[in-house]
Amino acid sequence: MNASGRYVHRRGIHCETACQCALLAAAGHAVDEEVVFGLDGGFGFSFFPANGNAPDIVVGKQAVMPLRAARLMGVEVAAHTPGSSAGLAKLLDSAPAAMTRVDLGLLPYWGLDGRSSFGGYFVNVVRILGADAFEVSDPAFDETVSVTADALEAARSSRNSPPLNPDRRVYVFGAPRRTPRLDLVGPVAVRNLCREVLRPGSRHLGIPGMKLLATTAPSWPQSKQGEVEDVDLTGRVVRVDALARQLLHVGRQIESFGTGGGLFRPMLGRYLTKLADGTGDTRYADAAAHFHESGRLWSALGAALPAAGTTATARDDLKTLVDAVADTARSAMDVEKRALTALSTL
C-alpha cells in the first residue's frame, strides 16, 4: 500500500502527535498537532526515580498513546506487538505506515549509541528497503531515514528505560469518520486533564510528581556518584560525572526528546488558545498564558542543563544546576496549579 505514495513525511513538534497527524493526513484528514495533543489527554508530568546513579526520568506527559483523539475522530486503531521484523513488515502490506514505539537512544541516526534511553518515543515505519532495512519517518528530522532491521528491532524491544519500555508496540490507523467539534469536546478534554494532573492518584504523576522532583533533585549530588560514559548533543562520546549525566538527561527530556520545547507546555498553551477561539470563552486564553509562562521556565532550565555534559564542569557548578532544577519545578508547579485550578471550574 505504501507504493501509492499517500503517506507524506513531515517534520513535527511532538513525536506522538506528529506521527498521528501524518497518518491522518494520509487518510485525507488534516488536523493540527496541538489539537490532537489537547484531545488525547496525555499532557501532565511524570517523574520516575532510578536506582543508583542511573538517570531519573522526567516526562511532560502522564499517558503514552491514550488514543482519545483518535476515538473522537472515529478512527479505528489496531494495536499490535509483532515479535520480529517480518511481523512488522507484514503490517505494511495493508497500511500507509505503522506507528511504532521505540527507544530513542537505540535509533542509530540519533547518535546516542544507547547511552541515553527513552522508550516513549514514536516513529512511523513507512516501507521495507531491500531485505534488511526499513524507511522510517521520524518527525524530528527533515527527511525519512533508513534503519537496519536489526537496529529497529533493538529499539522496539529495548528494556533500558523502565517503566517506559517500548514493548514492541505498533499501531495501525484506519480512516477518520468525522471531525470533532472542538467547542463541544474540547472543554471535556480539559476537565479530564485537570482532574488527572491535579489529582492523579500517584505521587509520581501530575502536581505530586512535580513536588517529588523538587524534593528529590537535591539528593542527586549524593546518589549520582562516579564517572560514567555518555554522548553529548553533538554525538561525541564523553566521560562525565554521573551527576552531570543526570542533568544532561533532564535537559534532553525537556527540550530535545520530542516535546517541542518547554516540556509540552507551549503546545498545551496553543491548544487552549484554539479552544478559546472556538468557544468564545477567554478564560481558556488566560490559562494558555500561564502555560506559556511555565513553558518559558522549563525551556530556560532545558537550555542551561546541556552545560553539565562538558567534562570541564566543576561539581560545585553541577550543584548549582541541581538547585535550578528544584527551583524550576517549584515555580512551574505553582503557575500550572493556578491555571489548572481555574480551568477545572469551567
C-alpha atoms as a PDB file:
ATOM      1  CA  MET A   1       0.000   0.000   0.000  1.00  0.00           C
ATOM      2  CA  ASN A   2       2.954   2.324   0.586  1.00  0.00           C
ATOM      3  CA  ALA A   3       3.752   2.358  -3.120  1.00  0.00           C
ATOM      4  CA  SER A   4       0.671   4.550  -3.659  1.00  0.00           C
ATOM      5  CA  GLY A   5       2.567   7.477  -2.160  1.00  0.00           C
ATOM      6  CA  ARG A   6      -0.302   8.517   0.124  1.00  0.00           C
ATOM      7  CA  TYR A   7       1.982   8.870   3.134  1.00  0.00           C
ATOM      8  CA  VAL A   8       3.997  12.124   3.168  1.00  0.00           C
ATOM      9  CA  HIS A   9       6.806  12.642   5.663  1.00  0.00           C
ATOM     10  CA  ARG A  10       6.628  15.871   7.607  1.00  0.00           C
ATOM     11  CA  ARG A  11       8.664  17.385  10.370  1.00  0.00           C
ATOM     12  CA  GLY A  12       6.661  17.803  13.558  1.00  0.00           C
ATOM     13  CA  ILE A  13       6.718  19.108  17.096  1.00  0.00           C
ATOM     14  CA  HIS A  14       5.966  16.104  19.302  1.00  0.00           C
ATOM     15  CA  CYS A  15       6.732  12.582  18.109  1.00  0.00           C
ATOM     16  CA  GLU A  16       3.425  11.051  19.206  1.00  0.00           C
ATOM     17  CA  THR A  17       1.071  13.692  17.826  1.00  0.00           C
ATOM     18  CA  ALA A  18       3.169  14.348  14.707  1.00  0.00           C
ATOM     19  CA  CYS A  19       3.095  10.660  13.782  1.00  0.00           C
ATOM     20  CA  GLN A  20      -0.663  10.553  14.296  1.00  0.00           C
ATOM     21  CA  CYS A  21      -1.182  13.693  12.192  1.00  0.00           C
ATOM     22  CA  ALA A  22       0.883  12.253   9.330  1.00  0.00           C
ATOM     23  CA  LEU A  23      -1.213   9.073   9.376  1.00  0.00           C
ATOM     24  CA  LEU A  24      -4.463  11.058   9.495  1.00  0.00           C
ATOM     25  CA  ALA A  25      -3.235  13.189   6.585  1.00  0.00           C
ATOM     26  CA  ALA A  26      -2.520  10.026   4.612  1.00  0.00           C
ATOM     27  CA  ALA A  27      -6.207   9.166   5.096  1.00  0.00           C
ATOM     28  CA  GLY A  28      -7.260  12.618   3.869  1.00  0.00           C
ATOM     29  CA  HIS A  29      -7.848  14.333   7.223  1.00  0.00           C
ATOM     30  CA  ALA A  30      -5.791  17.427   8.119  1.00  0.00           C
ATOM     31  CA  VAL A  31      -5.583  18.302  11.817  1.00  0.00           C
ATOM     32  CA  ASP A  32      -3.169  20.435  13.822  1.00  0.00           C
ATOM     33  CA  GLU A  33      -0.789  18.770  16.242  1.00  0.00           C
ATOM     34  CA  GLU A  34      -1.852  20.859  19.216  1.00  0.00           C
ATOM     35  CA  VAL A  35      -5.479  19.801  18.710  1.00  0.00           C
ATOM     36  CA  VAL A  36      -4.532  16.115  18.717  1.00  0.00           C
ATOM     37  CA  PHE A  37      -2.311  16.784  21.727  1.00  0.00           C
ATOM     38  CA  GLY A  38      -5.070  18.506  23.693  1.00  0.00           C
ATOM     39  CA  LEU A  39      -7.780  15.981  22.844  1.00  0.00           C
ATOM     40  CA  ASP A  40      -5.529  12.996  23.512  1.00  0.00           C
ATOM     41  CA  GLY A  41      -5.295  13.820  27.211  1.00  0.00           C
ATOM     42  CA  GLY A  42      -1.715  12.670  27.708  1.00  0.00           C
ATOM     43  CA  PHE A  43      -0.383  16.015  28.958  1.00  0.00           C
ATOM     44  CA  GLY A  44       0.876  16.295  32.515  1.00  0.00           C
ATOM     45  CA  PHE A  45       4.046  15.373  34.337  1.00  0.00           C
ATOM     46  CA  SER A  46       5.816  12.144  35.273  1.00  0.00           C
ATOM     47  CA  PHE A  47       8.863  11.643  37.462  1.00  0.00           C
ATOM     48  CA  PHE A  48      10.412   8.216  37.961  1.00  0.00           C
ATOM     49  CA  PRO A  49      13.495   7.944  40.216  1.00  0.00           C
ATOM     50  CA  ALA A  50      16.030   5.355  39.048  1.00  0.00           C
ATOM     51  CA  ASN A  51      18.204   3.022  41.079  1.00  0.00           C
ATOM     52  CA  GLY A  52      21.772   4.012  41.859  1.00  0.00           C
ATOM     53  CA  ASN A  53      23.466   6.512  39.582  1.00  0.00           C
ATOM     54  CA  ALA A  54      21.241   5.805  36.559  1.00  0.00           C
ATOM     55  CA  PRO A  55      19.412   8.953  35.426  1.00  0.00           C
ATOM     56  CA  ASP A  56      15.995   9.658  36.945  1.00  0.00           C
ATOM     57  CA  ILE A  57      13.296  10.103  34.290  1.00  0.00           C
ATOM     58  CA  VAL A  58      11.307  13.309  33.754  1.00  0.00           C
ATOM     59  CA  VAL A  59       8.447  13.340  31.212  1.00  0.00           C
ATOM     60  CA  GLY A  60       5.968  16.095  30.405  1.00  0.00           C
ATOM     61  CA  LYS A  61       3.127  13.640  29.954  1.00  0.00           C
ATOM     62  CA  GLN A  62       1.230  11.138  32.078  1.00  0.00           C
ATOM     63  CA  ALA A  63      -0.134   8.786  29.395  1.00  0.00           C
ATOM     64  CA  VAL A  64       1.569   7.279  26.353  1.00  0.00           C
ATOM     65  CA  MET A  65      -0.692   6.867  23.317  1.00  0.00           C
ATOM     66  CA  PRO A  66      -4.056   7.191  25.107  1.00  0.00           C
ATOM     67  CA  LEU A  67      -5.795   7.310  21.673  1.00  0.00           C
ATOM     68  CA  ARG A  68      -8.592   9.575  22.911  1.00  0.00           C
ATOM     69  CA  ALA A  69      -8.246  11.953  19.948  1.00  0.00           C
ATOM     70  CA  ALA A  70      -8.464   9.015  17.543  1.00  0.00           C
ATOM     71  CA  ARG A  71     -11.669   7.815  19.198  1.00  0.00           C
ATOM     72  CA  LEU A  72     -13.185  11.306  18.990  1.00  0.00           C
ATOM     73  CA  MET A  73     -12.462  11.314  15.250  1.00  0.00           C
ATOM     74  CA  GLY A  74     -13.950   7.867  14.782  1.00  0.00           C
ATOM     75  CA  VAL A  75     -10.598   6.354  13.841  1.00  0.00           C
ATOM     76  CA  GLU A  76     -10.189   2.644  14.405  1.00  0.00           C
ATOM     77  CA  VAL A  77      -6.690   1.923  15.697  1.00  0.00           C
ATOM     78  CA  ALA A  78      -5.397  -1.637  15.817  1.00  0.00           C
ATOM     79  CA  ALA A  79      -2.636  -2.274  18.349  1.00  0.00           C
ATOM     80  CA  HIS A  80      -0.048  -4.952  17.587  1.00  0.00           C
ATOM     81  CA  THR A  81       3.114  -6.313  19.198  1.00  0.00           C
ATOM     82  CA  PRO A  82       4.949  -8.018  16.318  1.00  0.00           C
ATOM     83  CA  GLY A  83       7.759 -10.110  17.704  1.00  0.00           C
ATOM     84  CA  SER A  84      10.016  -9.809  14.671  1.00  0.00           C
ATOM     85  CA  SER A  85      10.925  -7.576  11.758  1.00  0.00           C
ATOM     86  CA  ALA A  86       8.974  -9.902   9.488  1.00  0.00           C
ATOM     87  CA  GLY A  87       5.866  -9.338  11.588  1.00  0.00           C
ATOM     88  CA  LEU A  88       6.333  -5.588  11.410  1.00  0.00           C
ATOM     89  CA  ALA A  89       6.834  -5.763   7.644  1.00  0.00           C
ATOM     90  CA  LYS A  90       3.610  -7.732   7.291  1.00  0.00           C
ATOM     91  CA  LEU A  91       1.618  -4.865   8.782  1.00  0.00           C
ATOM     92  CA  LEU A  92       2.825  -2.594   5.990  1.00  0.00           C
ATOM     93  CA  ASP A  93       1.041  -4.746   3.400  1.00  0.00           C
ATOM     94  CA  SER A  94      -2.252  -3.035   4.198  1.00  0.00           C
ATOM     95  CA  ALA A  95      -1.303   0.313   5.790  1.00  0.00           C
ATOM     96  CA  PRO A  96       0.417   3.500   4.578  1.00  0.00           C
ATOM     97  CA  ALA A  97       2.673   3.335   7.650  1.00  0.00           C
ATOM     98  CA  ALA A  98       2.850   1.710  11.068  1.00  0.00           C
ATOM     99  CA  MET A  99       3.255   3.930  14.110  1.00  0.00           C
ATOM    100  CA  THR A 100       5.998   2.243  16.112  1.00  0.00           C
ATOM    101  CA  ARG A 101       7.152   2.807  19.668  1.00  0.00           C
ATOM    102  CA  VAL A 102      10.917   2.713  20.141  1.00  0.00           C
ATOM    103  CA  ASP A 103      13.780   3.534  22.470  1.00  0.00           C
ATOM    104  CA  LEU A 104      15.144   6.767  21.004  1.00  0.00           C
ATOM    105  CA  GLY A 105      18.611   6.041  22.401  1.00  0.00           C
ATOM    106  CA  LEU A 106      18.942   2.968  20.162  1.00  0.00           C
ATOM    107  CA  LEU A 107      17.984   4.670  16.894  1.00  0.00           C
ATOM    108  CA  PRO A 108      21.410   4.900  15.203  1.00  0.00           C
ATOM    109  CA  TYR A 109      20.757   8.200  13.416  1.00  0.00           C
ATOM    110  CA  TRP A 110      20.220   9.997  16.746  1.00  0.00           C
ATOM    111  CA  GLY A 111      23.865   9.267  17.610  1.00  0.00           C
ATOM    112  CA  LEU A 112      23.252   8.398  21.265  1.00  0.00           C
ATOM    113  CA  ASP A 113      24.662   4.870  20.957  1.00  0.00           C
ATOM    114  CA  GLY A 114      22.405   3.532  23.701  1.00  0.00           C
ATOM    115  CA  ARG A 115      23.988   5.712  26.391  1.00  0.00           C
ATOM    116  CA  SER A 116      20.793   7.701  26.863  1.00  0.00           C
ATOM    117  CA  SER A 117      17.457   5.905  26.708  1.00  0.00           C
ATOM    118  CA  PHE A 118      13.859   6.995  26.255  1.00  0.00           C
ATOM    119  CA  GLY A 119      11.356   4.259  25.467  1.00  0.00           C
ATOM    120  CA  GLY A 120       8.340   6.521  24.987  1.00  0.00           C
ATOM    121  CA  TYR A 121       9.392   7.702  21.522  1.00  0.00           C
ATOM    122  CA  PHE A 122       7.432   7.113  18.298  1.00  0.00           C
ATOM    123  CA  VAL A 123       8.256   6.937  14.606  1.00  0.00           C
ATOM    124  CA  ASN A 124       6.237   5.882  11.584  1.00  0.00           C
ATOM    125  CA  VAL A 125       7.709   2.914   9.726  1.00  0.00           C
ATOM    126  CA  VAL A 126       6.836   3.519   6.089  1.00  0.00           C
ATOM    127  CA  ARG A 127       8.177   0.699   3.970  1.00  0.00           C
ATOM    128  CA  ILE A 128      10.725  -2.067   3.574  1.00  0.00           C
ATOM    129  CA  LEU A 129      14.040  -1.183   1.917  1.00  0.00           C
ATOM    130  CA  GLY A 130      15.583  -4.287   0.434  1.00  0.00           C
ATOM    131  CA  ALA A 131      15.977  -7.376   2.566  1.00  0.00           C
ATOM    132  CA  ASP A 132      17.193  -5.920   5.853  1.00  0.00           C
ATOM    133  CA  ALA A 133      16.174  -2.285   6.289  1.00  0.00           C
ATOM    134  CA  PHE A 134      13.145  -0.051   6.775  1.00  0.00           C
ATOM    135  CA  GLU A 135      12.334   3.512   5.762  1.00  0.00           C
ATOM    136  CA  VAL A 136      11.485   5.425   8.940  1.00  0.00           C
ATOM    137  CA  SER A 137       9.607   8.713   9.205  1.00  0.00           C
ATOM    138  CA  ASP A 138      10.881  10.458  12.338  1.00  0.00           C
ATOM    139  CA  PRO A 139       9.172  13.851  12.846  1.00  0.00           C
ATOM    140  CA  ALA A 140      12.319  15.286  14.464  1.00  0.00           C
ATOM    141  CA  PHE A 141      14.084  15.183  11.069  1.00  0.00           C
ATOM    142  CA  ASP A 142      13.516  16.878   7.713  1.00  0.00           C
ATOM    143  CA  GLU A 143      13.727  13.675   5.671  1.00  0.00           C
ATOM    144  CA  THR A 144      12.979  10.000   6.181  1.00  0.00           C
ATOM    145  CA  VAL A 145      15.885   7.804   7.259  1.00  0.00           C
ATOM    146  CA  SER A 146      16.959   4.232   6.600  1.00  0.00           C
ATOM    147  CA  VAL A 147      17.292   1.952   9.624  1.00  0.00           C
ATOM    148  CA  THR A 148      18.501  -1.641   9.504  1.00  0.00           C
ATOM    149  CA  ALA A 149      16.033  -4.282  10.592  1.00  0.00           C
ATOM    150  CA  ASP A 150      18.347  -5.305  13.449  1.00  0.00           C
ATOM    151  CA  ALA A 151      18.692  -1.755  14.753  1.00  0.00           C
ATOM    152  CA  LEU A 152      14.953  -1.128  14.571  1.00  0.00           C
ATOM    153  CA  GLU A 153      14.244  -4.407  16.342  1.00  0.00           C
ATOM    154  CA  ALA A 154      16.700  -3.460  19.103  1.00  0.00           C
ATOM    155  CA  ALA A 155      14.946  -0.101  19.530  1.00  0.00           C
ATOM    156  CA  ARG A 156      11.496  -1.750  19.610  1.00  0.00           C
ATOM    157  CA  SER A 157      12.480  -4.386  22.164  1.00  0.00           C
ATOM    158  CA  SER A 158      14.689  -2.257  24.448  1.00  0.00           C
ATOM    159  CA  ARG A 159      14.391  -2.734  28.207  1.00  0.00           C
ATOM    160  CA  ASN A 160      16.653   0.223  29.013  1.00  0.00           C
ATOM    161  CA  SER A 161      14.133   2.788  30.305  1.00  0.00           C
ATOM    162  CA  PRO A 162      11.611   1.203  32.669  1.00  0.00           C
ATOM    163  CA  PRO A 163       8.755   1.964  33.191  1.00  0.00           C
ATOM    164  CA  LEU A 164       8.743   3.461  29.674  1.00  0.00           C
ATOM    165  CA  ASN A 165       9.939   0.456  27.692  1.00  0.00           C
ATOM    166  CA  PRO A 166       8.505   0.236  24.141  1.00  0.00           C
ATOM    167  CA  ASP A 167       7.402  -3.408  24.447  1.00  0.00           C
ATOM    168  CA  ARG A 168       7.276  -3.745  20.640  1.00  0.00           C
ATOM    169  CA  ARG A 169       4.027  -1.753  20.435  1.00  0.00           C
ATOM    170  CA  VAL A 170       2.853  -0.858  16.937  1.00  0.00           C
ATOM    171  CA  TYR A 171      -0.348   0.939  15.886  1.00  0.00           C
ATOM    172  CA  VAL A 172      -2.150   0.816  12.537  1.00  0.00           C
ATOM    173  CA  PHE A 173      -4.660   3.617  11.895  1.00  0.00           C
ATOM    174  CA  GLY A 174      -7.876   3.407   9.922  1.00  0.00           C
ATOM    175  CA  ALA A 175      -9.562   6.319   8.134  1.00  0.00           C
ATOM    176  CA  PRO A 176     -11.288   9.024  10.243  1.00  0.00           C
ATOM    177  CA  ARG A 177     -15.081   9.072  10.032  1.00  0.00           C
ATOM    178  CA  ARG A 178     -15.737  12.546  11.448  1.00  0.00           C
ATOM    179  CA  THR A 179     -14.175  15.826  12.506  1.00  0.00           C
ATOM    180  CA  PRO A 180     -14.556  16.548  16.232  1.00  0.00           C
ATOM    181  CA  ARG A 181     -16.360  19.725  17.241  1.00  0.00           C
ATOM    182  CA  LEU A 182     -13.694  21.443  19.292  1.00  0.00           C
ATOM    183  CA  ASP A 183     -16.247  23.692  21.001  1.00  0.00           C
ATOM    184  CA  LEU A 184     -18.069  20.574  22.248  1.00  0.00           C
ATOM    185  CA  VAL A 185     -15.355  18.027  23.026  1.00  0.00           C
ATOM    186  CA  GLY A 186     -12.505  20.414  23.859  1.00  0.00           C
ATOM    187  CA  PRO A 187     -13.860  21.534  27.249  1.00  0.00           C
ATOM    188  CA  VAL A 188     -14.495  17.910  28.261  1.00  0.00           C
ATOM    189  CA  ALA A 189     -10.894  17.028  27.413  1.00  0.00           C
ATOM    190  CA  VAL A 190      -9.678  19.968  29.512  1.00  0.00           C
ATOM    191  CA  ARG A 191     -11.738  18.960  32.539  1.00  0.00           C
ATOM    192  CA  ASN A 192     -10.361  15.423  32.310  1.00  0.00           C
ATOM    193  CA  LEU A 193      -6.832  16.810  32.012  1.00  0.00           C
ATOM    194  CA  CYS A 194      -7.274  18.989  35.102  1.00  0.00           C
ATOM    195  CA  ARG A 195      -8.514  16.083  37.188  1.00  0.00           C
ATOM    196  CA  GLU A 196      -5.701  13.788  36.101  1.00  0.00           C
ATOM    197  CA  VAL A 197      -2.914  16.339  36.643  1.00  0.00           C
ATOM    198  CA  LEU A 198      -4.208  17.838  39.898  1.00  0.00           C
ATOM    199  CA  ARG A 199      -5.260  14.507  41.460  1.00  0.00           C
ATOM    200  CA  PRO A 200      -3.515  11.714  39.546  1.00  0.00           C
ATOM    201  CA  GLY A 201      -3.619   9.040  42.249  1.00  0.00           C
ATOM    202  CA  SER A 202       0.160   8.545  42.106  1.00  0.00           C
ATOM    203  CA  ARG A 203       2.974  10.519  43.714  1.00  0.00           C
ATOM    204  CA  HIS A 204       4.982  10.081  40.500  1.00  0.00           C
ATOM    205  CA  LEU A 205       2.461  11.895  38.283  1.00  0.00           C
ATOM    206  CA  GLY A 206       0.995  15.353  37.826  1.00  0.00           C
ATOM    207  CA  ILE A 207       1.376  18.008  40.524  1.00  0.00           C
ATOM    208  CA  PRO A 208       2.524  15.396  43.087  1.00  0.00           C
ATOM    209  CA  GLY A 209       5.200  14.286  40.617  1.00  0.00           C
ATOM    210  CA  MET A 210       6.467  17.850  40.285  1.00  0.00           C
ATOM    211  CA  LYS A 211       6.663  18.087  44.077  1.00  0.00           C
ATOM    212  CA  LEU A 212       8.578  14.807  44.127  1.00  0.00           C
ATOM    213  CA  LEU A 213      11.106  16.119  41.590  1.00  0.00           C
ATOM    214  CA  ALA A 214      11.586  19.298  43.632  1.00  0.00           C
ATOM    215  CA  THR A 215      12.298  17.293  46.790  1.00  0.00           C
ATOM    216  CA  THR A 216      14.356  14.534  45.117  1.00  0.00           C
ATOM    217  CA  ALA A 217      16.683  16.647  42.945  1.00  0.00           C
ATOM    218  CA  PRO A 218      18.673  17.994  45.937  1.00  0.00           C
ATOM    219  CA  SER A 219      19.688  14.391  46.738  1.00  0.00           C
ATOM    220  CA  TRP A 220      21.300  13.864  43.323  1.00  0.00           C
ATOM    221  CA  PRO A 221      24.794  15.033  44.391  1.00  0.00           C
ATOM    222  CA  GLN A 222      24.804  12.128  46.885  1.00  0.00           C
ATOM    223  CA  SER A 223      23.004   9.481  44.784  1.00  0.00           C
ATOM    224  CA  LYS A 224      24.646  10.182  41.396  1.00  0.00           C
ATOM    225  CA  GLN A 225      28.295   9.391  42.074  1.00  0.00           C
ATOM    226  CA  GLY A 226      31.282   8.329  39.979  1.00  0.00           C
ATOM    227  CA  GLU A 227      32.210   8.693  36.318  1.00  0.00           C
ATOM    228  CA  VAL A 228      30.034   7.282  33.519  1.00  0.00           C
ATOM    229  CA  GLU A 229      30.155   7.257  29.737  1.00  0.00           C
ATOM    230  CA  ASP A 230      27.608   9.334  27.843  1.00  0.00           C
ATOM    231  CA  VAL A 231      27.035  11.025  24.494  1.00  0.00           C
ATOM    232  CA  ASP A 232      26.702  14.795  24.250  1.00  0.00           C
ATOM    233  CA  LEU A 233      24.232  16.592  21.978  1.00  0.00           C
ATOM    234  CA  THR A 234      26.750  16.538  19.097  1.00  0.00           C
ATOM    235  CA  GLY A 235      27.061  12.743  19.294  1.00  0.00           C
ATOM    236  CA  ARG A 236      30.524  12.865  20.884  1.00  0.00           C
ATOM    237  CA  VAL A 237      31.261  10.170  23.478  1.00  0.00           C
ATOM    238  CA  VAL A 238      32.297  11.755  26.769  1.00  0.00           C
ATOM    239  CA  ARG A 239      33.177  10.569  30.273  1.00  0.00           C
ATOM    240  CA  VAL A 240      31.283  12.628  32.766  1.00  0.00           C
ATOM    241  CA  ASP A 241      30.290  12.726  36.380  1.00  0.00           C
ATOM    242  CA  ALA A 242      27.090  10.705  36.963  1.00  0.00           C
ATOM    243  CA  LEU A 243      25.511  13.891  38.286  1.00  0.00           C
ATOM    244  CA  ALA A 244      26.381  15.661  35.035  1.00  0.00           C
ATOM    245  CA  ARG A 245      24.704  12.846  33.095  1.00  0.00           C
ATOM    246  CA  GLN A 246      21.582  13.205  35.240  1.00  0.00           C
ATOM    247  CA  LEU A 247      21.350  16.904  34.488  1.00  0.00           C
ATOM    248  CA  LEU A 248      22.054  16.474  30.796  1.00  0.00           C
ATOM    249  CA  HIS A 249      19.400  13.761  30.619  1.00  0.00           C
ATOM    250  CA  VAL A 250      16.783  16.068  32.178  1.00  0.00           C
ATOM    251  CA  GLY A 251      17.734  18.815  29.734  1.00  0.00           C
ATOM    252  CA  ARG A 252      17.219  16.468  26.807  1.00  0.00           C
ATOM    253  CA  GLN A 253      13.846  15.374  28.154  1.00  0.00           C
ATOM    254  CA  ILE A 254      12.717  18.990  28.432  1.00  0.00           C
ATOM    255  CA  GLU A 255      13.921  20.277  25.058  1.00  0.00           C
ATOM    256  CA  SER A 256      15.309  17.579  22.766  1.00  0.00           C
ATOM    257  CA  PHE A 257      13.226  14.429  23.005  1.00  0.00           C
ATOM    258  CA  GLY A 258      10.152  15.424  21.021  1.00  0.00           C
ATOM    259  CA  THR A 259       8.433  17.825  23.421  1.00  0.00           C
ATOM    260  CA  GLY A 260       8.564  20.798  21.080  1.00  0.00           C
ATOM    261  CA  GLY A 261      10.481  22.604  23.826  1.00  0.00           C
ATOM    262  CA  GLY A 262       9.352  23.607  27.285  1.00  0.00           C
ATOM    263  CA  LEU A 263       8.184  20.097  28.269  1.00  0.00           C
ATOM    264  CA  PHE A 264       5.000  20.322  26.105  1.00  0.00           C
ATOM    265  CA  ARG A 265       3.718  23.417  27.935  1.00  0.00           C
ATOM    266  CA  PRO A 266       3.660  25.703  24.840  1.00  0.00           C
ATOM    267  CA  MET A 267       1.779  23.003  22.906  1.00  0.00           C
ATOM    268  CA  LEU A 268      -0.927  22.928  25.559  1.00  0.00           C
ATOM    269  CA  GLY A 269      -0.992  26.721  25.540  1.00  0.00           C
ATOM    270  CA  ARG A 270      -1.674  26.744  21.791  1.00  0.00           C
ATOM    271  CA  TYR A 271      -4.430  24.161  22.218  1.00  0.00           C
ATOM    272  CA  LEU A 272      -6.106  26.289  24.893  1.00  0.00           C
ATOM    273  CA  THR A 273      -5.829  29.347  22.636  1.00  0.00           C
ATOM    274  CA  LYS A 274      -7.624  27.453  19.845  1.00  0.00           C
ATOM    275  CA  LEU A 275     -10.238  26.360  22.351  1.00  0.00           C
ATOM    276  CA  ALA A 276     -10.751  29.971  23.440  1.00  0.00           C
ATOM    277  CA  ASP A 277     -11.283  30.920  19.790  1.00  0.00           C
ATOM    278  CA  GLY A 278     -13.655  28.002  19.208  1.00  0.00           C
ATOM    279  CA  THR A 279     -15.778  28.549  22.309  1.00  0.00           C
ATOM    280  CA  GLY A 280     -15.521  32.316  22.670  1.00  0.00           C
ATOM    281  CA  ASP A 281     -14.507  31.819  26.320  1.00  0.00           C
ATOM    282  CA  THR A 282     -11.475  33.985  27.102  1.00  0.00           C
ATOM    283  CA  ARG A 283     -10.760  32.049  30.310  1.00  0.00           C
ATOM    284  CA  TYR A 284      -9.094  29.365  28.180  1.00  0.00           C
ATOM    285  CA  ALA A 285      -6.802  32.063  26.769  1.00  0.00           C
ATOM    286  CA  ASP A 286      -5.954  33.201  30.314  1.00  0.00           C
ATOM    287  CA  ALA A 287      -4.909  29.643  31.190  1.00  0.00           C
ATOM    288  CA  ALA A 288      -2.953  29.431  27.932  1.00  0.00           C
ATOM    289  CA  ALA A 289      -0.857  32.406  29.044  1.00  0.00           C
ATOM    290  CA  HIS A 290       0.011  30.572  32.278  1.00  0.00           C
ATOM    291  CA  PHE A 291       1.197  27.509  30.367  1.00  0.00           C
ATOM    292  CA  HIS A 292       3.294  29.647  28.036  1.00  0.00           C
ATOM    293  CA  GLU A 293       4.865  31.164  31.162  1.00  0.00           C
ATOM    294  CA  SER A 294       5.544  27.704  32.564  1.00  0.00           C
ATOM    295  CA  GLY A 295       6.990  26.645  29.222  1.00  0.00           C
ATOM    296  CA  ARG A 296       9.444  29.541  29.379  1.00  0.00           C
ATOM    297  CA  LEU A 297      10.558  28.396  32.838  1.00  0.00           C
ATOM    298  CA  TRP A 298      11.136  24.828  31.654  1.00  0.00           C
ATOM    299  CA  SER A 299      12.861  25.957  28.442  1.00  0.00           C
ATOM    300  CA  ALA A 300      15.251  28.198  30.364  1.00  0.00           C
ATOM    301  CA  LEU A 301      16.204  25.216  32.511  1.00  0.00           C
ATOM    302  CA  GLY A 302      16.491  22.932  29.473  1.00  0.00           C
ATOM    303  CA  ALA A 303      18.822  25.424  27.801  1.00  0.00           C
ATOM    304  CA  ALA A 304      21.074  25.604  30.874  1.00  0.00           C
ATOM    305  CA  LEU A 305      21.447  21.897  31.586  1.00  0.00           C
ATOM    306  CA  PRO A 306      23.450  20.815  28.479  1.00  0.00           C
ATOM    307  CA  ALA A 307      26.412  22.664  30.001  1.00  0.00           C
ATOM    308  CA  ALA A 308      26.551  19.821  32.508  1.00  0.00           C
ATOM    309  CA  GLY A 309      27.681  17.472  29.743  1.00  0.00           C
ATOM    310  CA  THR A 310      31.103  19.081  29.432  1.00  0.00           C
ATOM    311  CA  THR A 311      33.977  17.381  31.209  1.00  0.00           C
ATOM    312  CA  ALA A 312      35.202  20.766  32.496  1.00  0.00           C
ATOM    313  CA  THR A 313      32.114  21.431  34.620  1.00  0.00           C
ATOM    314  CA  ALA A 314      33.042  21.512  38.310  1.00  0.00           C
ATOM    315  CA  ARG A 315      30.889  19.592  40.746  1.00  0.00           C
ATOM    316  CA  ASP A 316      30.011  22.795  42.637  1.00  0.00           C
ATOM    317  CA  ASP A 317      28.651  24.193  39.360  1.00  0.00           C
ATOM    318  CA  LEU A 318      26.643  20.996  38.910  1.00  0.00           C
ATOM    319  CA  LYS A 319      25.128  21.514  42.346  1.00  0.00           C
ATOM    320  CA  THR A 320      24.052  24.988  41.239  1.00  0.00           C
ATOM    321  CA  LEU A 321      22.244  23.389  38.303  1.00  0.00           C
ATOM    322  CA  VAL A 322      20.623  20.896  40.687  1.00  0.00           C
ATOM    323  CA  ASP A 323      19.254  23.855  42.644  1.00  0.00           C
ATOM    324  CA  ALA A 324      17.908  25.272  39.380  1.00  0.00           C
ATOM    325  CA  VAL A 325      16.042  22.002  38.692  1.00  0.00           C
ATOM    326  CA  ALA A 326      14.365  22.073  42.105  1.00  0.00           C
ATOM    327  CA  ASP A 327      13.564  25.797  41.874  1.00  0.00           C
ATOM    328  CA  THR A 328      12.104  25.458  38.376  1.00  0.00           C
ATOM    329  CA  ALA A 329       9.953  22.500  39.383  1.00  0.00           C
ATOM    330  CA  ARG A 330       8.513  24.506  42.292  1.00  0.00           C
ATOM    331  CA  SER A 331       7.950  27.686  40.270  1.00  0.00           C
ATOM    332  CA  ALA A 332       6.388  25.889  37.301  1.00  0.00           C
ATOM    333  CA  MET A 333       4.224  23.826  39.638  1.00  0.00           C
ATOM    334  CA  ASP A 334       2.780  26.967  41.206  1.00  0.00           C
ATOM    335  CA  VAL A 335       1.989  28.522  37.827  1.00  0.00           C
ATOM    336  CA  GLU A 336       0.434  25.354  36.459  1.00  0.00           C
ATOM    337  CA  LYS A 337      -1.582  24.646  39.589  1.00  0.00           C
ATOM    338  CA  ARG A 338      -3.192  28.083  39.322  1.00  0.00           C
ATOM    339  CA  ALA A 339      -4.064  27.511  35.673  1.00  0.00           C
ATOM    340  CA  LEU A 340      -5.419  24.007  36.241  1.00  0.00           C
ATOM    341  CA  THR A 341      -7.488  25.040  39.256  1.00  0.00           C
ATOM    342  CA  ALA A 342      -9.119  27.818  37.208  1.00  0.00           C
ATOM    343  CA  LEU A 343      -9.738  25.507  34.250  1.00  0.00           C
ATOM    344  CA  SER A 344     -11.324  22.833  36.432  1.00  0.00           C
ATOM    345  CA  THR A 345     -14.215  25.183  37.218  1.00  0.00           C
ATOM    346  CA  LEU A 346     -15.146  25.803  33.554  1.00  0.00           C
END
